[in-house]
Structure formats: structure tokens, C-alpha cells
Amino acid sequence: MTEQTERSLAEQPPDTERLPPAAPGDGAGPGDGAGPGDGAGPGGGAGHTPGPATGQATADAPVLPHATPPPLAAPRPLGEPRTWPRDFTHRLTAPLPGVRALARIAREGKLRPPPETLPEIQRLPFEPGPMPAADTTTLALTWAGHASWIIRIGGLTVLTDPVWSRKILGTPARVTPVGVRWEDLPPVDAVVISHNHYDHLDAPTLKRLPRHTPLLLPAGLAPWARRRGFTRVTDLDWWEAVELPAPGGPVRIDFVPAHHWSKRTLTDTCRSLWGGWLLTAPDGRRIHFAGDTGYGHWFEEIGRRYPGIDLALLPIGAYDPRWMLRPVHTDPEEAVKACQDLGARALAPMHWSTFLLSGEPPLEPLHRVRAAWAATGRPRADLWDLPVGASRVLAAR
């Protein structure tokens, strides 16, 4: 959460700390687990009742624990015009912080690491190197920093939440350089965005892209992109998918839930959706990119609907103080638990070592995720704790 976001939250009335529960038929509400309407949303998706031609849909049936997962949704057309509700507040799984929470943060001053830990910045892992050669059968990842990945899949190059800016609104400048120079990128075939916070949706970076680059966005964000001249824009609800034509065969990309929220200005709280992305290669290998999320029931549900996830890209930083950030940012131990809930074979930590957004010491996320992974007894090679700028290839099944 950025300082700009903190300031904008402070403008909320005090009663934002007590959101009403979701009405029957709504998506997950504050504190909800799997229950009536979970996953339901405009435009439908797996298990949804088809809605009107505008893209509006009715709620789906309750999700029962351990029930057979619904079939995956048929891919939707790329660039499809959609009609969405005014906001997605009913999808929150925790109340947003209100004035009292912001006052406490201002009083305690704990959204920055202790000054005595700042020398750790010099030891943050940064090892830029050439990206691996990739053909139509390669599935390779390069970490550019924060939540920005370069994913080579099916012969395509896909960017996640690309932030190549040195500084984003309301935050200190990045503490490690971008892991890959922009001019060294291969042609970008698509971009996926998890939500509209400034450290994930960076307008200056997107302006570097050709305007015909396909953008895959959460529901409600398409107008933002079209106003900036992008012509191939698709926004999706949870459990919806598209297929991108690729030299190695179609690459399926599904939009999945996350425990987070959205806000970019003083007047657009939760006006667009938030979530993660599930990328499936032509040969069936799967990567889950969580975007920005707290820990909760959605991980188990994603794993149930998409069995056989090979790699989970999960956030491990920006978690302190827990009393405020627990609902929206996983800590390292929760990221390891989320990986287990997903049924994912391997974990690649992200969302640390780039911007100092909260109070934990800079190197603490790495130490804690390594300890938590070791405690599970899982193979050390399946923890992809990459330095910024490093790459790794996912082996074929």
C-alpha cells in the first residue's frame, strides 16, 4: 500500500471500517468463506448462469466444500465490450481500513523499516543476466522486480504488472534497479494486470508499449486503458478466461480471485475488480500469478478448480504491521501455506526487494520464506527464491 493510497483512504468516512455483509447472490463479502454466490460476477464464468447480452450475469449456486469443481469457463472473445456494476465492494473479504486505522499508522509511524535495518538494502539479491532462449515449448520466467515478471510461454512473451519506473506515486524510489532493461525485452505479446494500485498498474511503463498490445485486465479497468489509446483491451470477471493464439498452440489465461481491493483516486474505491491470473501452456503446464493478495480461502478454491499448478508466483513482502496489512498482503509463512493450498509444486516469491512499502526489515522476507519452506520438508529446489533480474526455466512434465 502506497502513501498515496494511505492518504486517499483517510478521506473515507469512519464507517468504512464496518462494511455490510454481502447480500445473497453477491460475491464473497467481508469475512465470507465459500458460500452463496462465491465467485459470482457480471459476465459469468465457470458455473455461472448466462447473463444478458450486455455481459451482466446472475449469481451462481453455492460452492460446497470438496464438491466436484465446475468445468472451466469457455474462453471469452478478446476485446469484448462489457457492462459491469458500479463497484465491487461486495467482493471484499475483509473491511477496508478507516480513519482510526490510518490515524494509528500515522501515530506509530511503522510503514517504513527501522532505520538501523536500512543497510540491508545493499545486500538485496540483484543478479541481472540474459534471459534464456525460448522456443514454442519453453516455459521460462524472469523476475524484473516487485510483481513484474517476463513469462515466456507457448512462444509468447507475457508481462505481469509491469513497473519499469524508478519511482511510483507516493512511495520512495525503488531500492533495486529493474532486473531487465526495457530495450532488452523481446516483443511483448500480452500484459496481465492484477489490480489498479500504482505499484501494479504503472501508466508510464504501459505508455512504452505499442497501443495494439493486448491488455488483460480486471473487470472495470478497460475504460482506463482505452482512454490511453490501447485498442486490444479485455477485462474479465473471476473464473473467466481468454485464449491467446501462440506459435506453440493456444495459451489459456484465467482471471482468478484474490484477497485484496482496488483504488486509484479519491472517488474510485473498488470500482474495478482485483485478482490473480492462471496461465496454462499448450502442453498443460500451469503458472499461478497471485498479483497482490492476503491469505484466505480463495487459494484452496483455485487449486480445486485448476489442479496440477506447477508454479505459484506469490507475494512475501509489504506485510508489517500485521494488524493492518494481514487482510491484503501475505507474509512469508502465509505464502508458503498458500502454495500448499494451491497444490502448486514450486513457489517463486515476489513483491519484495524492490519498493519499501511497509515496516519489515528489507531482508526479512527472504529469511522467513526460506525457513518456512524448509519447515515443510519440500525439496529446496522447488523454492525459486530468485534474485531480481534472474531467470529460470520450468521443466516439462
Protein backbone atom coordinates (compact mmCIF):
# COMPACT_ATOMS: atom_id res chain seq x y z
CA MET A 1 0.00 0.00 0.00
CA THR A 2 1.46 3.33 -1.04
CA GLU A 3 1.46 6.64 0.80
CA GLN A 4 -0.90 7.97 -1.85
CA THR A 5 -3.29 5.11 -1.07
CA GLU A 6 -2.98 5.80 2.64
CA ARG A 7 -3.87 9.44 2.06
CA SER A 8 -6.83 8.54 -0.12
CA LEU A 9 -8.09 6.04 2.44
CA ALA A 10 -8.03 8.76 5.04
CA GLU A 11 -10.70 10.56 3.06
CA GLN A 12 -13.10 7.66 3.65
CA PRO A 13 -15.83 8.09 6.28
CA PRO A 14 -15.29 6.22 9.54
CA ASP A 15 -17.98 3.65 8.74
CA THR A 16 -15.78 2.11 6.04
CA GLU A 17 -14.38 0.02 8.86
CA ARG A 18 -17.73 -1.79 9.13
CA LEU A 19 -18.79 -2.86 5.66
CA PRO A 20 -22.18 -4.58 5.48
CA PRO A 21 -22.17 -8.29 4.65
CA ALA A 22 -22.77 -9.26 1.05
CA ALA A 23 -26.34 -9.90 0.16
CA PRO A 24 -27.32 -13.38 -1.09
CA GLY A 25 -26.17 -13.72 -4.65
CA ASP A 26 -23.27 -11.33 -4.26
CA GLY A 27 -19.65 -12.42 -4.48
CA ALA A 28 -17.59 -13.02 -1.36
CA GLY A 29 -18.24 -10.36 1.24
CA PRO A 30 -16.16 -9.26 4.20
CA GLY A 31 -15.22 -12.29 6.21
CA ASP A 32 -17.07 -14.71 3.94
CA GLY A 33 -15.79 -18.13 3.09
CA ALA A 34 -17.24 -20.34 0.38
CA GLY A 35 -20.91 -19.61 0.48
CA PRO A 36 -23.88 -18.39 -1.54
CA GLY A 37 -22.73 -16.54 -4.60
CA ASP A 38 -18.99 -17.01 -4.12
CA GLY A 39 -17.24 -16.33 -7.39
CA ALA A 40 -20.39 -14.94 -8.96
CA GLY A 41 -19.97 -11.85 -11.02
CA PRO A 42 -21.03 -9.94 -14.07
CA GLY A 43 -20.25 -11.81 -17.23
CA GLY A 44 -20.43 -15.22 -15.62
CA GLY A 45 -17.66 -17.74 -15.66
CA ALA A 46 -17.28 -21.30 -14.56
CA GLY A 47 -20.55 -22.44 -13.06
CA HIS A 48 -22.34 -19.14 -13.74
CA THR A 49 -25.79 -18.77 -15.15
CA PRO A 50 -25.55 -16.96 -18.51
CA GLY A 51 -26.48 -13.32 -18.20
CA PRO A 52 -27.90 -10.75 -20.61
CA ALA A 53 -26.09 -9.84 -23.80
CA THR A 54 -24.53 -6.85 -22.09
CA GLY A 55 -22.27 -9.13 -20.08
CA GLN A 56 -24.28 -8.91 -16.84
CA ALA A 57 -24.84 -12.27 -15.13
CA THR A 58 -26.83 -13.70 -12.26
CA ALA A 59 -25.30 -15.35 -9.22
CA ASP A 60 -24.17 -18.94 -9.30
CA ALA A 61 -25.11 -21.72 -6.93
CA PRO A 62 -23.37 -22.10 -3.57
CA VAL A 63 -19.94 -23.73 -3.67
CA LEU A 64 -19.89 -26.80 -1.45
CA PRO A 65 -16.62 -27.86 0.19
CA HIS A 66 -14.96 -30.74 -1.63
CA ALA A 67 -17.67 -30.76 -4.30
CA THR A 68 -16.64 -31.60 -7.83
CA PRO A 69 -15.29 -28.37 -9.32
CA PRO A 70 -17.32 -26.85 -12.13
CA PRO A 71 -15.95 -27.15 -15.66
CA LEU A 72 -13.65 -24.35 -16.72
CA ALA A 73 -15.39 -21.46 -18.43
CA ALA A 74 -15.31 -21.34 -22.20
CA PRO A 75 -12.86 -18.64 -23.33
CA ARG A 76 -14.47 -15.27 -23.92
CA PRO A 77 -13.80 -13.19 -27.03
CA LEU A 78 -10.82 -10.87 -26.87
CA GLY A 79 -11.78 -7.20 -26.78
CA GLU A 80 -15.40 -7.95 -25.86
CA PRO A 81 -17.36 -4.88 -24.64
CA ARG A 82 -18.72 -5.49 -21.14
CA THR A 83 -21.13 -3.88 -18.70
CA TRP A 84 -20.16 -4.05 -15.05
CA PRO A 85 -21.75 -2.98 -11.75
CA ARG A 86 -20.86 0.38 -10.27
CA ASP A 87 -18.42 -1.18 -7.79
CA PHE A 88 -17.15 -4.50 -6.45
CA THR A 89 -17.25 -3.73 -2.73
CA HIS A 90 -19.30 -6.89 -2.18
CA ARG A 91 -16.23 -8.93 -3.26
CA LEU A 92 -14.10 -7.74 -0.33
CA THR A 93 -13.14 -10.46 2.13
CA ALA A 94 -12.13 -8.01 4.86
CA PRO A 95 -13.20 -4.47 5.73
CA LEU A 96 -11.07 -1.64 4.42
CA PRO A 97 -9.10 0.38 6.98
CA GLY A 98 -10.87 3.52 8.09
CA VAL A 99 -9.86 6.78 9.70
CA ARG A 100 -8.92 5.22 13.03
CA ALA A 101 -6.56 2.74 11.38
CA LEU A 102 -4.88 5.50 9.37
CA ALA A 103 -4.55 7.63 12.50
CA ARG A 104 -2.89 4.74 14.31
CA ILE A 105 -0.43 4.23 11.47
CA ALA A 106 0.41 7.94 11.47
CA ARG A 107 0.86 7.85 15.25
CA GLU A 108 3.05 4.72 15.30
CA GLY A 109 4.96 5.52 12.11
CA LYS A 110 5.52 1.85 11.27
CA LEU A 111 5.11 1.77 7.50
CA ARG A 112 8.85 2.02 6.90
CA PRO A 113 11.66 -0.30 8.01
CA PRO A 114 13.56 0.67 11.17
CA PRO A 115 16.46 2.97 10.23
CA GLU A 116 19.03 0.56 11.67
CA THR A 117 17.96 -2.11 9.15
CA LEU A 118 18.38 0.05 6.05
CA PRO A 119 21.99 -1.07 5.42
CA GLU A 120 20.44 -4.41 4.43
CA ILE A 121 19.42 -2.74 1.16
CA GLN A 122 22.98 -3.17 -0.05
CA ARG A 123 22.62 -6.95 0.30
CA LEU A 124 19.33 -7.36 -1.54
CA PRO A 125 19.83 -10.00 -4.26
CA PHE A 126 20.27 -8.45 -7.70
CA GLU A 127 21.77 -10.60 -10.43
CA PRO A 128 20.65 -9.47 -13.89
CA GLY A 129 21.55 -11.80 -16.68
CA PRO A 130 20.49 -12.67 -20.20
CA MET A 131 17.05 -14.20 -20.49
CA PRO A 132 17.09 -17.85 -21.53
CA ALA A 133 16.49 -18.74 -25.16
CA ALA A 134 12.86 -19.69 -25.61
CA ASP A 135 11.05 -21.60 -28.33
CA THR A 136 7.41 -22.68 -28.61
CA THR A 137 7.85 -25.41 -25.97
CA THR A 138 9.73 -23.30 -23.41
CA LEU A 139 8.15 -22.02 -20.21
CA ALA A 140 10.63 -19.57 -18.69
CA LEU A 141 10.37 -16.75 -16.17
CA THR A 142 12.50 -13.70 -15.46
CA TRP A 143 11.90 -11.54 -12.38
CA ALA A 144 12.14 -7.84 -13.18
CA GLY A 145 11.31 -6.90 -9.58
CA HIS A 146 8.24 -6.41 -7.37
CA ALA A 147 5.32 -8.19 -9.16
CA SER A 148 6.79 -7.73 -12.64
CA TRP A 149 7.63 -10.99 -14.43
CA ILE A 150 8.56 -11.74 -18.01
CA ILE A 151 6.90 -15.05 -18.81
CA ARG A 152 7.80 -16.92 -21.99
CA ILE A 153 5.01 -19.38 -22.70
CA GLY A 154 3.93 -21.17 -25.89
CA GLY A 155 6.16 -18.88 -27.95
CA LEU A 156 4.63 -15.73 -26.41
CA THR A 157 6.12 -13.11 -24.09
CA VAL A 158 3.70 -12.03 -21.35
CA LEU A 159 4.39 -9.30 -18.78
CA THR A 160 2.74 -9.29 -15.36
CA ASP A 161 2.05 -5.97 -13.59
CA PRO A 162 4.93 -4.27 -15.41
CA VAL A 163 6.58 -1.46 -13.42
CA TRP A 164 9.77 -0.19 -15.05
CA SER A 165 9.54 3.23 -13.39
CA ARG A 166 12.17 4.21 -10.84
CA LYS A 167 9.52 5.75 -8.61
CA ILE A 168 5.79 5.36 -8.29
CA LEU A 169 3.32 7.84 -6.84
CA GLY A 170 3.53 8.15 -3.07
CA THR A 171 6.44 5.77 -2.45
CA PRO A 172 10.21 6.04 -2.06
CA ALA A 173 12.22 5.18 -5.16
CA ARG A 174 12.92 1.53 -5.85
CA VAL A 175 15.86 0.11 -3.93
CA THR A 176 16.97 -2.32 -6.65
CA PRO A 177 17.11 -1.48 -10.35
CA VAL A 178 14.76 -3.14 -12.81
CA GLY A 179 16.12 -6.60 -13.50
CA VAL A 180 15.83 -6.35 -17.30
CA ARG A 181 16.37 -3.21 -19.34
CA TRP A 182 13.31 -2.28 -21.37
CA GLU A 183 15.31 -2.30 -24.59
CA ASP A 184 16.38 -5.89 -23.89
CA LEU A 185 12.83 -7.22 -23.77
CA PRO A 186 11.61 -9.41 -26.62
CA PRO A 187 8.45 -8.13 -28.35
CA VAL A 188 5.64 -8.15 -25.78
CA ASP A 189 2.66 -10.25 -26.87
CA ALA A 190 0.35 -9.52 -23.91
CA VAL A 191 0.19 -7.87 -20.50
CA VAL A 192 -1.82 -9.03 -17.48
CA ILE A 193 -2.70 -6.61 -14.68
CA SER A 194 -3.83 -7.77 -11.24
CA HIS A 195 -5.41 -4.52 -9.98
CA ASN A 196 -5.13 -0.77 -10.23
CA HIS A 197 -2.84 0.20 -7.33
CA TYR A 198 0.06 2.32 -8.55
CA ASP A 199 2.73 -0.26 -7.80
CA HIS A 200 0.94 -2.75 -10.08
CA LEU A 201 -0.66 -0.58 -12.75
CA ASP A 202 2.07 1.82 -13.84
CA ALA A 203 0.90 4.18 -16.58
CA PRO A 204 4.42 5.40 -17.56
CA THR A 205 5.51 1.81 -18.19
CA LEU A 206 2.42 0.95 -20.21
CA LYS A 207 2.98 4.04 -22.34
CA ARG A 208 6.16 2.39 -23.64
CA LEU A 209 4.11 -0.36 -25.27
CA PRO A 210 2.61 -0.28 -28.75
CA ARG A 211 -1.05 0.60 -28.40
CA HIS A 212 -2.09 -2.63 -30.14
CA THR A 213 -0.53 -4.74 -27.34
CA PRO A 214 -3.25 -6.97 -25.83
CA LEU A 215 -4.04 -5.95 -22.24
CA LEU A 216 -5.85 -8.39 -19.95
CA LEU A 217 -7.43 -6.54 -17.04
CA PRO A 218 -9.76 -6.99 -14.08
CA ALA A 219 -13.41 -6.15 -14.63
CA GLY A 220 -13.99 -2.42 -14.84
CA LEU A 221 -10.48 -1.38 -15.91
CA ALA A 222 -10.99 -1.48 -19.68
CA PRO A 223 -12.17 2.16 -19.93
CA TRP A 224 -8.97 3.30 -18.20
CA ALA A 225 -6.86 1.53 -20.81
CA ARG A 226 -8.96 2.62 -23.78
CA ARG A 227 -8.72 6.25 -22.71
CA ARG A 228 -4.95 5.85 -23.07
CA GLY A 229 -5.22 4.63 -26.62
CA PHE A 230 -4.98 0.85 -26.18
CA THR A 231 -7.07 -0.89 -28.80
CA ARG A 232 -6.94 -4.56 -27.73
CA VAL A 233 -8.32 -4.49 -24.21
CA THR A 234 -10.16 -7.30 -22.45
CA ASP A 235 -11.46 -7.12 -18.87
CA LEU A 236 -12.65 -10.22 -17.08
CA ASP A 237 -14.53 -11.33 -14.01
CA TRP A 238 -13.27 -14.02 -11.64
CA TRP A 239 -13.20 -17.52 -13.19
CA GLU A 240 -13.37 -16.14 -16.74
CA ALA A 241 -10.72 -16.82 -19.35
CA VAL A 242 -9.41 -15.95 -22.79
CA GLU A 243 -7.14 -17.80 -25.17
CA LEU A 244 -4.23 -16.12 -26.89
CA PRO A 245 -3.14 -17.60 -30.22
CA ALA A 246 0.50 -18.65 -29.96
CA PRO A 247 3.06 -20.35 -32.19
CA GLY A 248 3.06 -23.40 -29.91
CA GLY A 249 -0.73 -23.59 -29.61
CA PRO A 250 -3.30 -21.52 -27.71
CA VAL A 251 -2.28 -20.15 -24.32
CA ARG A 252 -5.20 -20.03 -21.91
CA ILE A 253 -5.27 -17.22 -19.31
CA ASP A 254 -7.85 -17.29 -16.50
CA PHE A 255 -8.65 -14.48 -14.07
CA VAL A 256 -8.97 -15.81 -10.52
CA PRO A 257 -9.88 -14.30 -7.13
CA ALA A 258 -7.53 -12.67 -4.64
CA HIS A 259 -7.93 -11.22 -1.16
CA HIS A 260 -7.29 -7.57 -1.93
CA TRP A 261 -9.07 -4.41 -3.12
CA SER A 262 -8.70 -1.57 -5.62
CA LYS A 263 -8.36 2.21 -5.53
CA ARG A 264 -6.54 4.73 -7.66
CA THR A 265 -8.20 8.06 -6.89
CA LEU A 266 -10.26 9.57 -4.08
CA THR A 267 -13.52 8.53 -5.77
CA ASP A 268 -12.98 5.07 -7.25
CA THR A 269 -12.73 2.69 -4.29
CA CYS A 270 -13.42 -0.85 -5.54
CA ARG A 271 -14.82 0.48 -8.84
CA SER A 272 -12.72 -2.15 -10.61
CA LEU A 273 -12.00 -5.73 -9.61
CA TRP A 274 -8.75 -7.27 -8.37
CA GLY A 275 -7.35 -10.78 -8.70
CA GLY A 276 -4.66 -13.08 -9.99
CA TRP A 277 -4.04 -14.92 -13.24
CA LEU A 278 -3.66 -18.58 -14.15
CA LEU A 279 -1.58 -19.14 -17.31
CA THR A 280 -1.80 -22.54 -18.98
CA ALA A 281 0.74 -23.52 -21.63
CA PRO A 282 -0.28 -25.55 -24.69
CA ASP A 283 1.17 -28.68 -23.04
CA GLY A 284 -0.85 -28.12 -19.84
CA ARG A 285 1.83 -26.65 -17.56
CA ARG A 286 0.30 -24.05 -15.28
CA ILE A 287 1.55 -20.91 -13.53
CA HIS A 288 -0.47 -19.01 -10.94
CA PHE A 289 0.39 -15.30 -10.67
CA ALA A 290 -1.29 -14.09 -7.48
CA GLY A 291 -0.83 -10.35 -8.03
CA ASP A 292 -1.35 -8.74 -4.63
CA THR A 293 -3.25 -10.69 -2.00
CA GLY A 294 -3.76 -11.61 1.59
CA TYR A 295 -4.15 -15.18 2.74
CA GLY A 296 -7.56 -16.82 2.68
CA HIS A 297 -9.95 -19.40 1.29
CA TRP A 298 -9.52 -18.47 -2.36
CA PHE A 299 -6.21 -20.32 -2.67
CA GLU A 300 -7.76 -23.69 -1.88
CA GLU A 301 -10.63 -22.96 -4.27
CA ILE A 302 -8.24 -22.01 -7.08
CA GLY A 303 -6.30 -25.22 -6.53
CA ARG A 304 -9.53 -27.20 -6.61
CA ARG A 305 -10.62 -25.71 -9.91
CA TYR A 306 -7.18 -25.80 -11.53
CA PRO A 307 -5.42 -28.97 -10.43
CA GLY A 308 -1.80 -29.51 -11.33
CA ILE A 309 -0.40 -25.99 -10.86
CA ASP A 310 3.34 -26.22 -11.49
CA LEU A 311 4.48 -22.86 -10.12
CA ALA A 312 2.91 -20.21 -7.89
CA LEU A 313 4.18 -16.62 -8.02
CA LEU A 314 3.23 -15.34 -4.56
CA PRO A 315 3.90 -12.11 -2.63
CA ILE A 316 6.04 -12.31 0.52
CA GLY A 317 6.65 -8.63 1.36
CA ALA A 318 4.83 -5.46 2.50
CA TYR A 319 3.26 -7.25 5.48
CA ASP A 320 4.22 -5.25 8.60
CA PRO A 321 2.31 -4.17 10.68
CA ARG A 322 0.15 -7.31 10.55
CA TRP A 323 -2.82 -5.74 12.33
CA MET A 324 -3.31 -3.54 9.27
CA LEU A 325 -1.82 -5.45 6.32
CA ARG A 326 -2.77 -9.05 7.07
CA PRO A 327 -6.03 -8.94 5.02
CA VAL A 328 -4.28 -7.71 1.86
CA HIS A 329 -0.65 -8.92 1.92
CA THR A 330 0.58 -12.43 2.70
CA ASP A 331 3.63 -12.71 4.89
CA PRO A 332 6.29 -15.32 4.00
CA GLU A 333 4.74 -18.11 6.08
CA GLU A 334 1.30 -17.45 4.60
CA ALA A 335 2.77 -17.52 1.09
CA VAL A 336 4.18 -21.00 1.74
CA LYS A 337 0.79 -22.10 3.10
CA ALA A 338 -0.94 -20.59 0.06
CA CYS A 339 1.37 -22.56 -2.21
CA GLN A 340 0.32 -25.73 -0.41
CA ASP A 341 -3.37 -24.78 -0.65
CA LEU A 342 -2.98 -24.25 -4.39
CA GLY A 343 -1.43 -27.67 -4.76
CA ALA A 344 1.46 -25.99 -6.56
CA ARG A 345 4.71 -27.89 -6.94
CA ALA A 346 7.00 -24.85 -6.69
CA LEU A 347 6.91 -21.32 -5.24
CA ALA A 348 8.52 -18.19 -6.67
CA PRO A 349 8.44 -15.34 -4.10
CA MET A 350 7.80 -11.80 -5.32
CA HIS A 351 6.57 -8.40 -4.06
CA TRP A 352 9.68 -7.71 -2.01
CA SER A 353 13.22 -6.39 -2.57
CA THR A 354 12.04 -3.60 -4.88
CA PHE A 355 9.95 -0.94 -3.10
CA LEU A 356 10.00 -0.50 0.69
CA LEU A 357 6.25 -0.30 1.29
CA SER A 358 5.97 -1.37 4.93
CA GLY A 359 7.79 -1.86 8.20
CA GLU A 360 9.66 -5.16 7.96
CA PRO A 361 13.48 -5.08 7.53
CA PRO A 362 14.48 -5.33 3.84
CA LEU A 363 15.97 -8.85 4.00
CA GLU A 364 13.50 -10.35 6.47
CA PRO A 365 11.04 -11.70 3.83
CA LEU A 366 13.78 -13.81 2.22
CA HIS A 367 14.98 -15.30 5.52
CA ARG A 368 11.45 -16.09 6.65
CA VAL A 369 10.27 -17.67 3.39
CA ARG A 370 13.35 -19.92 3.30
CA ALA A 371 12.73 -21.04 6.88
CA ALA A 372 9.03 -21.63 6.27
CA TRP A 373 9.76 -23.65 3.12
CA ALA A 374 12.39 -25.75 4.91
CA ALA A 375 9.88 -26.48 7.68
CA THR A 376 7.56 -28.16 5.16
CA GLY A 377 10.21 -30.67 4.14
CA ARG A 378 9.59 -29.97 0.49
CA PRO A 379 12.54 -30.06 -1.97
CA ARG A 380 14.73 -26.95 -1.67
CA ALA A 381 14.94 -26.76 -5.48
CA ASP A 382 11.20 -26.07 -5.62
CA LEU A 383 11.63 -22.73 -3.83
CA TRP A 384 12.51 -20.35 -6.66
CA ASP A 385 13.88 -17.53 -4.50
CA LEU A 386 15.32 -15.70 -7.48
CA PRO A 387 17.40 -12.52 -7.29
CA VAL A 388 15.98 -9.56 -9.17
CA GLY A 389 16.98 -9.99 -12.81
CA ALA A 390 17.39 -13.77 -12.66
CA SER A 391 15.60 -16.36 -14.78
CA ARG A 392 14.55 -19.95 -14.52
CA VAL A 393 13.02 -22.46 -16.93
CA LEU A 394 10.12 -24.67 -15.84
CA ALA A 395 10.86 -28.23 -16.87
CA ALA A 396 8.37 -30.12 -18.99
CA ARG A 397 6.15 -32.58 -17.12
